[in-house]
């Protein structure tokens, strides 16, 4: 599993630079991502995005819609084969917790975002 604080810092930095090429390598090809925000962009009622290509398309569209998006890291919580990141999102002006589970290769296989 990636070192929590190192992963979190790299992840936040990539997001704040809006650099999909730096964000996506953290994720497995068959990743499953869920977020209530995904329904707004994808139209998928369960907020579920399956696969790295679909995730890239979703996040690319989201970043185009919110060009000034920034995240401020508030906390990193370690778990078994995963971690939770707590951060502030400028889009919602609210706190977010993102729970990420890693596969044996250290890549994220599941991630879910929870909004305040």
PDB file of N, CA and C in Angstrom:
ATOM      1  N   UNK A   1       0.843  -1.186   0.000  1.00  0.00           N
ATOM      2  CA  UNK A   1       0.000   0.000   0.000  1.00  0.00           C
ATOM      3  C   UNK A   1       0.882   1.240   0.000  1.00  0.00           C
ATOM      4  N   UNK A   2       0.507   2.259  -0.750  1.00  0.00           N
ATOM      5  CA  UNK A   2       1.291   3.493  -0.743  1.00  0.00           C
ATOM      6  C   UNK A   2       1.326   4.093   0.652  1.00  0.00           C
ATOM      7  N   UNK A   3       2.405   4.785   0.943  1.00  0.00           N
ATOM      8  CA  UNK A   3       2.492   5.487   2.222  1.00  0.00           C
ATOM      9  C   UNK A   3       1.422   6.575   2.203  1.00  0.00           C
ATOM     10  N   UNK A   4       0.576   6.586   3.221  1.00  0.00           N
ATOM     11  CA  UNK A   4      -0.594   7.453   3.240  1.00  0.00           C
ATOM     12  C   UNK A   4      -0.324   8.917   3.000  1.00  0.00           C
ATOM     13  N   UNK A   5       0.564   9.497   3.770  1.00  0.00           N
ATOM     14  CA  UNK A   5       0.825  10.933   3.644  1.00  0.00           C
ATOM     15  C   UNK A   5       1.453  11.268   2.295  1.00  0.00           C
ATOM     16  N   UNK A   6       2.377  10.433   1.819  1.00  0.00           N
ATOM     17  CA  UNK A   6       2.991  10.665   0.508  1.00  0.00           C
ATOM     18  C   UNK A   6       1.956  10.579  -0.603  1.00  0.00           C
ATOM     19  N   UNK A   7       1.107   9.553  -0.542  1.00  0.00           N
ATOM     20  CA  UNK A   7       0.038   9.401  -1.529  1.00  0.00           C
ATOM     21  C   UNK A   7      -0.867  10.628  -1.509  1.00  0.00           C
ATOM     22  N   UNK A   8      -1.290  11.021  -0.310  1.00  0.00           N
ATOM     23  CA  UNK A   8      -2.215  12.141  -0.169  1.00  0.00           C
ATOM     24  C   UNK A   8      -1.635  13.430  -0.739  1.00  0.00           C
ATOM     25  N   UNK A   9      -0.397  13.718  -0.430  1.00  0.00           N
ATOM     26  CA  UNK A   9       0.227  14.952  -0.934  1.00  0.00           C
ATOM     27  C   UNK A   9       0.324  14.940  -2.453  1.00  0.00           C
ATOM     28  N   UNK A  10       0.741  13.807  -3.031  1.00  0.00           N
ATOM     29  CA  UNK A  10       0.847  13.706  -4.488  1.00  0.00           C
ATOM     30  C   UNK A  10      -0.532  13.826  -5.142  1.00  0.00           C
ATOM     31  N   UNK A  11      -1.523  13.214  -4.539  1.00  0.00           N
ATOM     32  CA  UNK A  11      -2.888  13.222  -5.063  1.00  0.00           C
ATOM     33  C   UNK A  11      -3.462  14.635  -5.039  1.00  0.00           C
ATOM     34  N   UNK A  12      -3.335  15.328  -3.901  1.00  0.00           N
ATOM     35  CA  UNK A  12      -3.836  16.704  -3.777  1.00  0.00           C
ATOM     36  C   UNK A  12      -3.120  17.630  -4.757  1.00  0.00           C
ATOM     37  N   UNK A  13      -1.807  17.495  -4.848  1.00  0.00           N
ATOM     38  CA  UNK A  13      -1.042  18.351  -5.766  1.00  0.00           C
ATOM     39  C   UNK A  13      -1.492  18.151  -7.205  1.00  0.00           C
ATOM     40  N   UNK A  14      -1.671  16.905  -7.620  1.00  0.00           N
ATOM     41  CA  UNK A  14      -2.110  16.620  -8.989  1.00  0.00           C
ATOM     42  C   UNK A  14      -3.495  17.214  -9.250  1.00  0.00           C
ATOM     43  N   UNK A  15      -4.403  17.075  -8.288  1.00  0.00           N
ATOM     44  CA  UNK A  15      -5.734  17.658  -8.443  1.00  0.00           C
ATOM     45  C   UNK A  15      -5.662  19.177  -8.537  1.00  0.00           C
ATOM     46  N   UNK A  16      -4.868  19.796  -7.689  1.00  0.00           N
ATOM     47  CA  UNK A  16      -4.796  21.258  -7.692  1.00  0.00           C
ATOM     48  C   UNK A  16      -4.143  21.807  -8.946  1.00  0.00           C
ATOM     49  N   UNK A  17      -3.365  20.987  -9.617  1.00  0.00           N
ATOM     50  CA  UNK A  17      -2.788  21.377 -10.908  1.00  0.00           C
ATOM     51  C   UNK A  17      -3.695  20.989 -12.067  1.00  0.00           C
ATOM     52  N   UNK A  18      -4.806  20.318 -11.755  1.00  0.00           N
ATOM     53  CA  UNK A  18      -5.751  19.826 -12.781  1.00  0.00           C
ATOM     54  C   UNK A  18      -5.017  18.942 -13.791  1.00  0.00           C
ATOM     55  N   UNK A  19      -4.147  18.102 -13.285  1.00  0.00           N
ATOM     56  CA  UNK A  19      -3.270  17.276 -14.109  1.00  0.00           C
ATOM     57  C   UNK A  19      -3.748  15.823 -14.114  1.00  0.00           C
ATOM     58  N   UNK A  20      -4.658  15.501 -15.043  1.00  0.00           N
ATOM     59  CA  UNK A  20      -5.173  14.131 -15.121  1.00  0.00           C
ATOM     60  C   UNK A  20      -4.063  13.108 -15.346  1.00  0.00           C
ATOM     61  N   UNK A  21      -3.032  13.503 -16.086  1.00  0.00           N
ATOM     62  CA  UNK A  21      -1.917  12.583 -16.335  1.00  0.00           C
ATOM     63  C   UNK A  21      -1.189  12.225 -15.046  1.00  0.00           C
ATOM     64  N   UNK A  22      -1.270  13.063 -14.036  1.00  0.00           N
ATOM     65  CA  UNK A  22      -0.654  12.772 -12.740  1.00  0.00           C
ATOM     66  C   UNK A  22      -1.647  12.118 -11.771  1.00  0.00           C
ATOM     67  N   UNK A  23      -2.937  12.346 -11.970  1.00  0.00           N
ATOM     68  CA  UNK A  23      -3.956  11.754 -11.092  1.00  0.00           C
ATOM     69  C   UNK A  23      -4.189  10.286 -11.439  1.00  0.00           C
ATOM     70  N   UNK A  24      -4.378  10.001 -12.704  1.00  0.00           N
ATOM     71  CA  UNK A  24      -4.814   8.672 -13.139  1.00  0.00           C
ATOM     72  C   UNK A  24      -3.861   7.522 -12.839  1.00  0.00           C
ATOM     73  N   UNK A  25      -2.543   7.713 -12.809  1.00  0.00           N
ATOM     74  CA  UNK A  25      -1.666   6.571 -12.507  1.00  0.00           C
ATOM     75  C   UNK A  25      -1.880   5.965 -11.122  1.00  0.00           C
ATOM     76  N   UNK A  26      -2.604   6.649 -10.250  1.00  0.00           N
ATOM     77  CA  UNK A  26      -2.902   6.113  -8.924  1.00  0.00           C
ATOM     78  C   UNK A  26      -3.991   5.034  -8.971  1.00  0.00           C
ATOM     79  N   UNK A  27      -4.652   4.871 -10.126  1.00  0.00           N
ATOM     80  CA  UNK A  27      -5.838   4.032 -10.228  1.00  0.00           C
ATOM     81  C   UNK A  27      -5.620   2.832 -11.156  1.00  0.00           C
ATOM     82  N   UNK A  28      -6.219   1.698 -10.776  1.00  0.00           N
ATOM     83  CA  UNK A  28      -6.173   0.487 -11.589  1.00  0.00           C
ATOM     84  C   UNK A  28      -7.093   0.646 -12.809  1.00  0.00           C
ATOM     85  N   UNK A  29      -6.850  -0.131 -13.836  1.00  0.00           N
ATOM     86  CA  UNK A  29      -7.663  -0.076 -15.050  1.00  0.00           C
ATOM     87  C   UNK A  29      -9.132  -0.386 -14.765  1.00  0.00           C
ATOM     88  N   UNK A  30      -9.385  -1.269 -13.801  1.00  0.00           N
ATOM     89  CA  UNK A  30     -10.759  -1.682 -13.510  1.00  0.00           C
ATOM     90  C   UNK A  30     -11.330  -1.001 -12.264  1.00  0.00           C
ATOM     91  N   UNK A  31     -10.837   0.164 -11.943  1.00  0.00           N
ATOM     92  CA  UNK A  31     -11.285   0.906 -10.763  1.00  0.00           C
ATOM     93  C   UNK A  31     -12.791   1.176 -10.819  1.00  0.00           C
ATOM     94  N   UNK A  32     -13.401   1.198  -9.655  1.00  0.00           N
ATOM     95  CA  UNK A  32     -14.807   1.599  -9.513  1.00  0.00           C
ATOM     96  C   UNK A  32     -14.831   2.800  -8.570  1.00  0.00           C
ATOM     97  N   UNK A  33     -15.398   3.889  -9.061  1.00  0.00           N
ATOM     98  CA  UNK A  33     -15.470   5.132  -8.304  1.00  0.00           C
ATOM     99  C   UNK A  33     -16.940   5.502  -8.121  1.00  0.00           C
ATOM    100  N   UNK A  34     -17.306   5.901  -6.912  1.00  0.00           N
ATOM    101  CA  UNK A  34     -18.668   6.374  -6.673  1.00  0.00           C
ATOM    102  C   UNK A  34     -18.627   7.738  -6.005  1.00  0.00           C
ATOM    103  N   UNK A  35     -19.550   8.579  -6.431  1.00  0.00           N
ATOM    104  CA  UNK A  35     -19.647   9.922  -5.873  1.00  0.00           C
ATOM    105  C   UNK A  35     -21.014  10.491  -6.218  1.00  0.00           C
ATOM    106  N   UNK A  36     -21.645  11.169  -5.261  1.00  0.00           N
ATOM    107  CA  UNK A  36     -22.904  11.839  -5.600  1.00  0.00           C
ATOM    108  C   UNK A  36     -22.710  12.889  -6.692  1.00  0.00           C
ATOM    109  N   UNK A  37     -21.522  13.447  -6.794  1.00  0.00           N
ATOM    110  CA  UNK A  37     -21.247  14.460  -7.818  1.00  0.00           C
ATOM    111  C   UNK A  37     -21.210  13.850  -9.218  1.00  0.00           C
ATOM    112  N   UNK A  38     -20.940  12.566  -9.317  1.00  0.00           N
ATOM    113  CA  UNK A  38     -20.839  11.926 -10.632  1.00  0.00           C
ATOM    114  C   UNK A  38     -22.167  11.942 -11.378  1.00  0.00           C
ATOM    115  N   UNK A  39     -23.269  11.889 -10.655  1.00  0.00           N
ATOM    116  CA  UNK A  39     -24.572  11.900 -11.328  1.00  0.00           C
ATOM    117  C   UNK A  39     -24.785  13.190 -12.103  1.00  0.00           C
ATOM    118  N   UNK A  40     -24.254  14.274 -11.594  1.00  0.00           N
ATOM    119  CA  UNK A  40     -24.402  15.582 -12.246  1.00  0.00           C
ATOM    120  C   UNK A  40     -23.746  15.596 -13.623  1.00  0.00           C
ATOM    121  N   UNK A  41     -22.632  14.908 -13.775  1.00  0.00           N
ATOM    122  CA  UNK A  41     -21.888  14.952 -15.029  1.00  0.00           C
ATOM    123  C   UNK A  41     -22.201  13.753 -15.924  1.00  0.00           C
ATOM    124  N   UNK A  42     -22.286  12.577 -15.322  1.00  0.00           N
ATOM    125  CA  UNK A  42     -22.474  11.367 -16.132  1.00  0.00           C
ATOM    126  C   UNK A  42     -23.939  11.037 -16.377  1.00  0.00           C
ATOM    127  N   UNK A  43     -24.816  11.516 -15.503  1.00  0.00           N
ATOM    128  CA  UNK A  43     -26.219  11.160 -15.603  1.00  0.00           C
ATOM    129  C   UNK A  43     -26.527   9.784 -15.030  1.00  0.00           C
ATOM    130  N   UNK A  44     -25.522   9.075 -14.574  1.00  0.00           N
ATOM    131  CA  UNK A  44     -25.688   7.740 -14.001  1.00  0.00           C
ATOM    132  C   UNK A  44     -26.277   7.912 -12.610  1.00  0.00           C
ATOM    133  N   UNK A  45     -27.501   7.407 -12.359  1.00  0.00           N
ATOM    134  CA  UNK A  45     -28.197   7.727 -11.112  1.00  0.00           C
ATOM    135  C   UNK A  45     -27.523   7.236  -9.840  1.00  0.00           C
ATOM    136  N   UNK A  46     -26.696   6.206  -9.921  1.00  0.00           N
ATOM    137  CA  UNK A  46     -26.024   5.696  -8.723  1.00  0.00           C
ATOM    138  C   UNK A  46     -24.680   6.364  -8.472  1.00  0.00           C
ATOM    139  N   UNK A  47     -24.267   7.283  -9.360  1.00  0.00           N
ATOM    140  CA  UNK A  47     -23.000   7.970  -9.179  1.00  0.00           C
ATOM    141  C   UNK A  47     -21.804   7.053  -9.314  1.00  0.00           C
ATOM    142  N   UNK A  48     -21.939   5.997 -10.108  1.00  0.00           N
ATOM    143  CA  UNK A  48     -20.900   4.971 -10.251  1.00  0.00           C
ATOM    144  C   UNK A  48     -20.177   5.140 -11.582  1.00  0.00           C
ATOM    145  N   UNK A  49     -18.849   5.163 -11.518  1.00  0.00           N
ATOM    146  CA  UNK A  49     -18.010   5.259 -12.704  1.00  0.00           C
ATOM    147  C   UNK A  49     -17.103   4.034 -12.701  1.00  0.00           C
ATOM    148  N   UNK A  50     -17.157   3.243 -13.773  1.00  0.00           N
ATOM    149  CA  UNK A  50     -16.395   1.990 -13.829  1.00  0.00           C
ATOM    150  C   UNK A  50     -15.309   2.060 -14.891  1.00  0.00           C
ATOM    151  N   UNK A  51     -14.072   1.797 -14.467  1.00  0.00           N
ATOM    152  CA  UNK A  51     -12.933   1.742 -15.377  1.00  0.00           C
ATOM    153  C   UNK A  51     -12.185   3.059 -15.460  1.00  0.00           C
ATOM    154  N   UNK A  52     -10.888   2.938 -15.674  1.00  0.00           N
ATOM    155  CA  UNK A  52     -10.026   4.125 -15.716  1.00  0.00           C
ATOM    156  C   UNK A  52     -10.375   5.055 -16.872  1.00  0.00           C
ATOM    157  N   UNK A  53     -10.739   4.511 -18.037  1.00  0.00           N
ATOM    158  CA  UNK A  53     -11.084   5.369 -19.171  1.00  0.00           C
ATOM    159  C   UNK A  53     -12.331   6.197 -18.874  1.00  0.00           C
ATOM    160  N   UNK A  54     -13.339   5.567 -18.272  1.00  0.00           N
ATOM    161  CA  UNK A  54     -14.556   6.297 -17.911  1.00  0.00           C
ATOM    162  C   UNK A  54     -14.266   7.329 -16.825  1.00  0.00           C
ATOM    163  N   UNK A  55     -13.386   6.974 -15.895  1.00  0.00           N
ATOM    164  CA  UNK A  55     -13.007   7.900 -14.834  1.00  0.00           C
ATOM    165  C   UNK A  55     -12.282   9.114 -15.414  1.00  0.00           C
ATOM    166  N   UNK A  56     -11.406   8.881 -16.376  1.00  0.00           N
ATOM    167  CA  UNK A  56     -10.699   9.985 -17.039  1.00  0.00           C
ATOM    168  C   UNK A  56     -11.683  10.912 -17.746  1.00  0.00           C
ATOM    169  N   UNK A  57     -12.666  10.336 -18.419  1.00  0.00           N
ATOM    170  CA  UNK A  57     -13.667  11.155 -19.117  1.00  0.00           C
ATOM    171  C   UNK A  57     -14.494  11.963 -18.118  1.00  0.00           C
ATOM    172  N   UNK A  58     -14.903  11.326 -17.024  1.00  0.00           N
ATOM    173  CA  UNK A  58     -15.694  12.009 -16.003  1.00  0.00           C
ATOM    174  C   UNK A  58     -14.900  13.147 -15.371  1.00  0.00           C
ATOM    175  N   UNK A  59     -13.688  12.838 -14.906  1.00  0.00           N
ATOM    176  CA  UNK A  59     -12.905  13.879 -14.249  1.00  0.00           C
ATOM    177  C   UNK A  59     -12.494  14.985 -15.216  1.00  0.00           C
ATOM    178  N   UNK A  60     -12.215  14.646 -16.466  1.00  0.00           N
ATOM    179  CA  UNK A  60     -11.899  15.672 -17.459  1.00  0.00           C
ATOM    180  C   UNK A  60     -13.058  16.641 -17.631  1.00  0.00           C
ATOM    181  N   UNK A  61     -14.272  16.095 -17.735  1.00  0.00           N
ATOM    182  CA  UNK A  61     -15.468  16.941 -17.864  1.00  0.00           C
ATOM    183  C   UNK A  61     -15.668  17.789 -16.608  1.00  0.00           C
ATOM    184  N   UNK A  62     -15.463  17.193 -15.446  1.00  0.00           N
ATOM    185  CA  UNK A  62     -15.629  17.930 -14.191  1.00  0.00           C
ATOM    186  C   UNK A  62     -14.634  19.083 -14.095  1.00  0.00           C
ATOM    187  N   UNK A  63     -13.396  18.828 -14.465  1.00  0.00           N
ATOM    188  CA  UNK A  63     -12.386  19.881 -14.391  1.00  0.00           C
ATOM    189  C   UNK A  63     -12.667  21.007 -15.385  1.00  0.00           C
ATOM    190  N   UNK A  64     -13.227  20.680 -16.534  1.00  0.00           N
ATOM    191  CA  UNK A  64     -13.592  21.729 -17.493  1.00  0.00           C
ATOM    192  C   UNK A  64     -14.735  22.590 -16.949  1.00  0.00           C
ATOM    193  N   UNK A  65     -15.641  21.973 -16.202  1.00  0.00           N
ATOM    194  CA  UNK A  65     -16.767  22.717 -15.640  1.00  0.00           C
ATOM    195  C   UNK A  65     -16.374  23.584 -14.447  1.00  0.00           C
ATOM    196  N   UNK A  66     -15.312  23.195 -13.745  1.00  0.00           N
ATOM    197  CA  UNK A  66     -14.881  23.929 -12.550  1.00  0.00           C
ATOM    198  C   UNK A  66     -13.380  24.229 -12.688  1.00  0.00           C
ATOM    199  N   UNK A  67     -13.024  25.187 -13.550  1.00  0.00           N
ATOM    200  CA  UNK A  67     -11.605  25.432 -13.836  1.00  0.00           C
ATOM    201  C   UNK A  67     -10.787  25.964 -12.657  1.00  0.00           C
ATOM    202  N   UNK A  68     -11.459  26.458 -11.620  1.00  0.00           N
ATOM    203  CA  UNK A  68     -10.731  26.978 -10.460  1.00  0.00           C
ATOM    204  C   UNK A  68     -10.804  26.026  -9.257  1.00  0.00           C
ATOM    205  N   UNK A  69     -11.124  24.767  -9.496  1.00  0.00           N
ATOM    206  CA  UNK A  69     -11.233  23.780  -8.425  1.00  0.00           C
ATOM    207  C   UNK A  69      -9.919  23.632  -7.664  1.00  0.00           C
ATOM    208  N   UNK A  70     -10.011  23.662  -6.342  1.00  0.00           N
ATOM    209  CA  UNK A  70      -8.854  23.361  -5.493  1.00  0.00           C
ATOM    210  C   UNK A  70      -9.311  22.522  -4.308  1.00  0.00           C
ATOM    211  N   UNK A  71      -8.392  21.683  -3.843  1.00  0.00           N
ATOM    212  CA  UNK A  71      -8.610  20.874  -2.655  1.00  0.00           C
ATOM    213  C   UNK A  71      -7.579  21.277  -1.612  1.00  0.00           C
ATOM    214  N   UNK A  72      -7.984  21.312  -0.354  1.00  0.00           N
ATOM    215  CA  UNK A  72      -7.074  21.561   0.758  1.00  0.00           C
ATOM    216  C   UNK A  72      -7.122  20.344   1.668  1.00  0.00           C
ATOM    217  N   UNK A  73      -6.000  19.658   1.788  1.00  0.00           N
ATOM    218  CA  UNK A  73      -5.937  18.438   2.586  1.00  0.00           C
ATOM    219  C   UNK A  73      -6.117  18.770   4.059  1.00  0.00           C
ATOM    220  N   UNK A  74      -7.018  18.042   4.719  1.00  0.00           N
ATOM    221  CA  UNK A  74      -7.296  18.238   6.142  1.00  0.00           C
ATOM    222  C   UNK A  74      -6.839  17.057   6.991  1.00  0.00           C
ATOM    223  N   UNK A  75      -6.795  15.864   6.399  1.00  0.00           N
ATOM    224  CA  UNK A  75      -6.394  14.706   7.180  1.00  0.00           C
ATOM    225  C   UNK A  75      -6.233  13.469   6.331  1.00  0.00           C
ATOM    226  N   UNK A  76      -5.410  12.559   6.824  1.00  0.00           N
ATOM    227  CA  UNK A  76      -5.162  11.276   6.169  1.00  0.00           C
ATOM    228  C   UNK A  76      -5.354  10.198   7.222  1.00  0.00           C
ATOM    229  N   UNK A  77      -6.213   9.234   6.925  1.00  0.00           N
ATOM    230  CA  UNK A  77      -6.526   8.165   7.870  1.00  0.00           C
ATOM    231  C   UNK A  77      -6.202   6.830   7.220  1.00  0.00           C
ATOM    232  N   UNK A  78      -5.290   6.077   7.828  1.00  0.00           N
ATOM    233  CA  UNK A  78      -4.880   4.789   7.286  1.00  0.00           C
ATOM    234  C   UNK A  78      -5.819   3.681   7.693  1.00  0.00           C
ATOM    235  N   UNK A  79      -5.902   2.677   6.848  1.00  0.00           N
ATOM    236  CA  UNK A  79      -6.715   1.505   7.128  1.00  0.00           C
ATOM    237  C   UNK A  79      -6.044   0.277   6.541  1.00  0.00           C
ATOM    238  N   UNK A  80      -6.758  -0.819   6.526  1.00  0.00           N
ATOM    239  CA  UNK A  80      -6.251  -2.054   5.937  1.00  0.00           C
ATOM    240  C   UNK A  80      -6.420  -1.950   4.421  1.00  0.00           C
ATOM    241  N   UNK A  81      -5.306  -1.951   3.693  1.00  0.00           N
ATOM    242  CA  UNK A  81      -5.309  -1.857   2.230  1.00  0.00           C
ATOM    243  C   UNK A  81      -6.004  -0.610   1.703  1.00  0.00           C
ATOM    244  N   UNK A  82      -5.984   0.455   2.479  1.00  0.00           N
ATOM    245  CA  UNK A  82      -6.625   1.656   1.997  1.00  0.00           C
ATOM    246  C   UNK A  82      -6.412   2.834   2.915  1.00  0.00           C
ATOM    247  N   UNK A  83      -7.037   3.931   2.546  1.00  0.00           N
ATOM    248  CA  UNK A  83      -6.962   5.132   3.358  1.00  0.00           C
ATOM    249  C   UNK A  83      -8.171   6.000   3.088  1.00  0.00           C
ATOM    250  N   UNK A  84      -8.369   6.951   3.948  1.00  0.00           N
ATOM    251  CA  UNK A  84      -9.408   7.959   3.767  1.00  0.00           C
ATOM    252  C   UNK A  84      -8.722   9.317   3.796  1.00  0.00           C
ATOM    253  N   UNK A  85      -9.086  10.133   2.838  1.00  0.00           N
ATOM    254  CA  UNK A  85      -8.574  11.497   2.772  1.00  0.00           C
ATOM    255  C   UNK A  85      -9.714  12.440   3.123  1.00  0.00           C
ATOM    256  N   UNK A  86      -9.449  13.368   4.002  1.00  0.00           N
ATOM    257  CA  UNK A  86     -10.423  14.422   4.302  1.00  0.00           C
ATOM    258  C   UNK A  86      -9.859  15.701   3.727  1.00  0.00           C
ATOM    259  N   UNK A  87     -10.664  16.364   2.901  1.00  0.00           N
ATOM    260  CA  UNK A  87     -10.194  17.606   2.280  1.00  0.00           C
ATOM    261  C   UNK A  87     -11.350  18.572   2.090  1.00  0.00           C
ATOM    262  N   UNK A  88     -10.987  19.818   1.909  1.00  0.00           N
ATOM    263  CA  UNK A  88     -11.961  20.857   1.620  1.00  0.00           C
ATOM    264  C   UNK A  88     -11.985  21.050   0.108  1.00  0.00           C
ATOM    265  N   UNK A  89     -13.179  21.093  -0.462  1.00  0.00           N
ATOM    266  CA  UNK A  89     -13.345  21.312  -1.901  1.00  0.00           C
ATOM    267  C   UNK A  89     -13.854  22.720  -2.139  1.00  0.00           C
ATOM    268  N   UNK A  90     -13.179  23.439  -3.019  1.00  0.00           N
ATOM    269  CA  UNK A  90     -13.628  24.798  -3.329  1.00  0.00           C
ATOM    270  C   UNK A  90     -14.931  24.775  -4.128  1.00  0.00           C
ATOM    271  N   UNK A  91     -15.223  23.674  -4.826  1.00  0.00           N
ATOM    272  CA  UNK A  91     -16.451  23.608  -5.627  1.00  0.00           C
ATOM    273  C   UNK A  91     -17.688  23.661  -4.748  1.00  0.00           C
ATOM    274  N   UNK A  92     -17.683  22.915  -3.677  1.00  0.00           N
ATOM    275  CA  UNK A  92     -18.847  22.844  -2.797  1.00  0.00           C
ATOM    276  C   UNK A  92     -18.683  23.711  -1.555  1.00  0.00           C
ATOM    277  N   UNK A  93     -17.480  24.257  -1.364  1.00  0.00           N
ATOM    278  CA  UNK A  93     -17.128  24.978  -0.138  1.00  0.00           C
ATOM    279  C   UNK A  93     -17.508  24.142   1.076  1.00  0.00           C
ATOM    280  N   UNK A  94     -17.157  22.856   0.990  1.00  0.00           N
ATOM    281  CA  UNK A  94     -17.503  21.915   2.053  1.00  0.00           C
ATOM    282  C   UNK A  94     -16.393  20.875   2.199  1.00  0.00           C
ATOM    283  N   UNK A  95     -16.495  20.127   3.286  1.00  0.00           N
ATOM    284  CA  UNK A  95     -15.545  19.050   3.536  1.00  0.00           C
ATOM    285  C   UNK A  95     -15.967  17.795   2.768  1.00  0.00           C
ATOM    286  N   UNK A  96     -14.963  17.047   2.337  1.00  0.00           N
ATOM    287  CA  UNK A  96     -15.168  15.804   1.609  1.00  0.00           C
ATOM    288  C   UNK A  96     -14.295  14.743   2.256  1.00  0.00           C
ATOM    289  N   UNK A  97     -14.799  13.525   2.326  1.00  0.00           N
ATOM    290  CA  UNK A  97     -13.990  12.382   2.724  1.00  0.00           C
ATOM    291  C   UNK A  97     -13.995  11.430   1.542  1.00  0.00           C
ATOM    292  N   UNK A  98     -12.816  11.053   1.101  1.00  0.00           N
ATOM    293  CA  UNK A  98     -12.693  10.095   0.003  1.00  0.00           C
ATOM    294  C   UNK A  98     -11.999   8.859   0.548  1.00  0.00           C
ATOM    295  N   UNK A  99     -12.673   7.725   0.421  1.00  0.00           N
ATOM    296  CA  UNK A  99     -12.154   6.452   0.903  1.00  0.00           C
ATOM    297  C   UNK A  99     -11.623   5.685  -0.303  1.00  0.00           C
ATOM    298  N   UNK A 100     -10.373   5.267  -0.214  1.00  0.00           N
ATOM    299  CA  UNK A 100      -9.699   4.605  -1.333  1.00  0.00           C
ATOM    300  C   UNK A 100      -9.179   3.257  -0.862  1.00  0.00           C
ATOM    301  N   UNK A 101      -9.518   2.211  -1.621  1.00  0.00           N
ATOM    302  CA  UNK A 101      -9.003   0.870  -1.328  1.00  0.00           C
ATOM    303  C   UNK A 101      -8.035   0.485  -2.433  1.00  0.00           C
ATOM    304  N   UNK A 102      -6.868  -0.031  -2.010  1.00  0.00           N
ATOM    305  CA  UNK A 102      -5.804  -0.384  -2.944  1.00  0.00           C
ATOM    306  C   UNK A 102      -5.739  -1.883  -3.180  1.00  0.00           C
ATOM    307  N   UNK A 103      -5.366  -2.251  -4.399  1.00  0.00           N
ATOM    308  CA  UNK A 103      -5.109  -3.639  -4.734  1.00  0.00           C
ATOM    309  C   UNK A 103      -3.689  -4.000  -4.335  1.00  0.00           C
ATOM    310  N   UNK A 104      -3.294  -5.269  -4.567  1.00  0.00           N
ATOM    311  CA  UNK A 104      -1.954  -5.721  -4.184  1.00  0.00           C
ATOM    312  C   UNK A 104      -0.821  -4.956  -4.873  1.00  0.00           C
ATOM    313  N   UNK A 105      -1.117  -4.360  -6.034  1.00  0.00           N
ATOM    314  CA  UNK A 105      -0.088  -3.614  -6.763  1.00  0.00           C
ATOM    315  C   UNK A 105       0.019  -2.165  -6.301  1.00  0.00           C
ATOM    316  N   UNK A 106      -0.774  -1.769  -5.292  1.00  0.00           N
ATOM    317  CA  UNK A 106      -0.714  -0.404  -4.770  1.00  0.00           C
ATOM    318  C   UNK A 106      -1.574   0.589  -5.519  1.00  0.00           C
ATOM    319  N   UNK A 107      -2.331   0.123  -6.512  1.00  0.00           N
ATOM    320  CA  UNK A 107      -3.214   1.012  -7.262  1.00  0.00           C
ATOM    321  C   UNK A 107      -4.620   0.969  -6.676  1.00  0.00           C
ATOM    322  N   UNK A 108      -5.313   2.092  -6.765  1.00  0.00           N
ATOM    323  CA  UNK A 108      -6.669   2.182  -6.240  1.00  0.00           C
ATOM    324  C   UNK A 108      -7.616   1.342  -7.090  1.00  0.00           C
ATOM    325  N   UNK A 109      -8.335   0.434  -6.440  1.00  0.00           N
ATOM    326  CA  UNK A 109      -9.322  -0.394  -7.139  1.00  0.00           C
ATOM    327  C   UNK A 109     -10.745   0.059  -6.843  1.00  0.00           C
ATOM    328  N   UNK A 110     -10.920   0.768  -5.735  1.00  0.00           N
ATOM    329  CA  UNK A 110     -12.208   1.336  -5.375  1.00  0.00           C
ATOM    330  C   UNK A 110     -11.970   2.687  -4.710  1.00  0.00           C
ATOM    331  N   UNK A 111     -12.863   3.615  -5.006  1.00  0.00           N
ATOM    332  CA  UNK A 111     -12.816   4.910  -4.327  1.00  0.00           C
ATOM    333  C   UNK A 111     -14.245   5.450  -4.239  1.00  0.00           C
ATOM    334  N   UNK A 112     -14.552   6.050  -3.110  1.00  0.00           N
ATOM    335  CA  UNK A 112     -15.874   6.632  -2.915  1.00  0.00           C
ATOM    336  C   UNK A 112     -15.716   7.980  -2.217  1.00  0.00           C
ATOM    337  N   UNK A 113     -16.444   8.965  -2.715  1.00  0.00           N
ATOM    338  CA  UNK A 113     -16.407  10.301  -2.135  1.00  0.00           C
ATOM    339  C   UNK A 113     -17.685  10.554  -1.349  1.00  0.00           C
ATOM    340  N   UNK A 114     -17.539  11.194  -0.193  1.00  0.00           N
ATOM    341  CA  UNK A 114     -18.647  11.518   0.695  1.00  0.00           C
ATOM    342  C   UNK A 114     -18.561  13.008   1.017  1.00  0.00           C
ATOM    343  N   UNK A 115     -19.659  13.709   0.788  1.00  0.00           N
ATOM    344  CA  UNK A 115     -19.668  15.164   0.935  1.00  0.00           C
ATOM    345  C   UNK A 115     -20.413  15.595   2.188  1.00  0.00           C
ATOM    346  N   UNK A 116     -19.914  16.655   2.778  1.00  0.00           N
ATOM    347  CA  UNK A 116     -20.538  17.246   3.964  1.00  0.00           C
ATOM    348  C   UNK A 116     -21.925  17.758   3.610  1.00  0.00           C
TER     349      UNK A 116
END
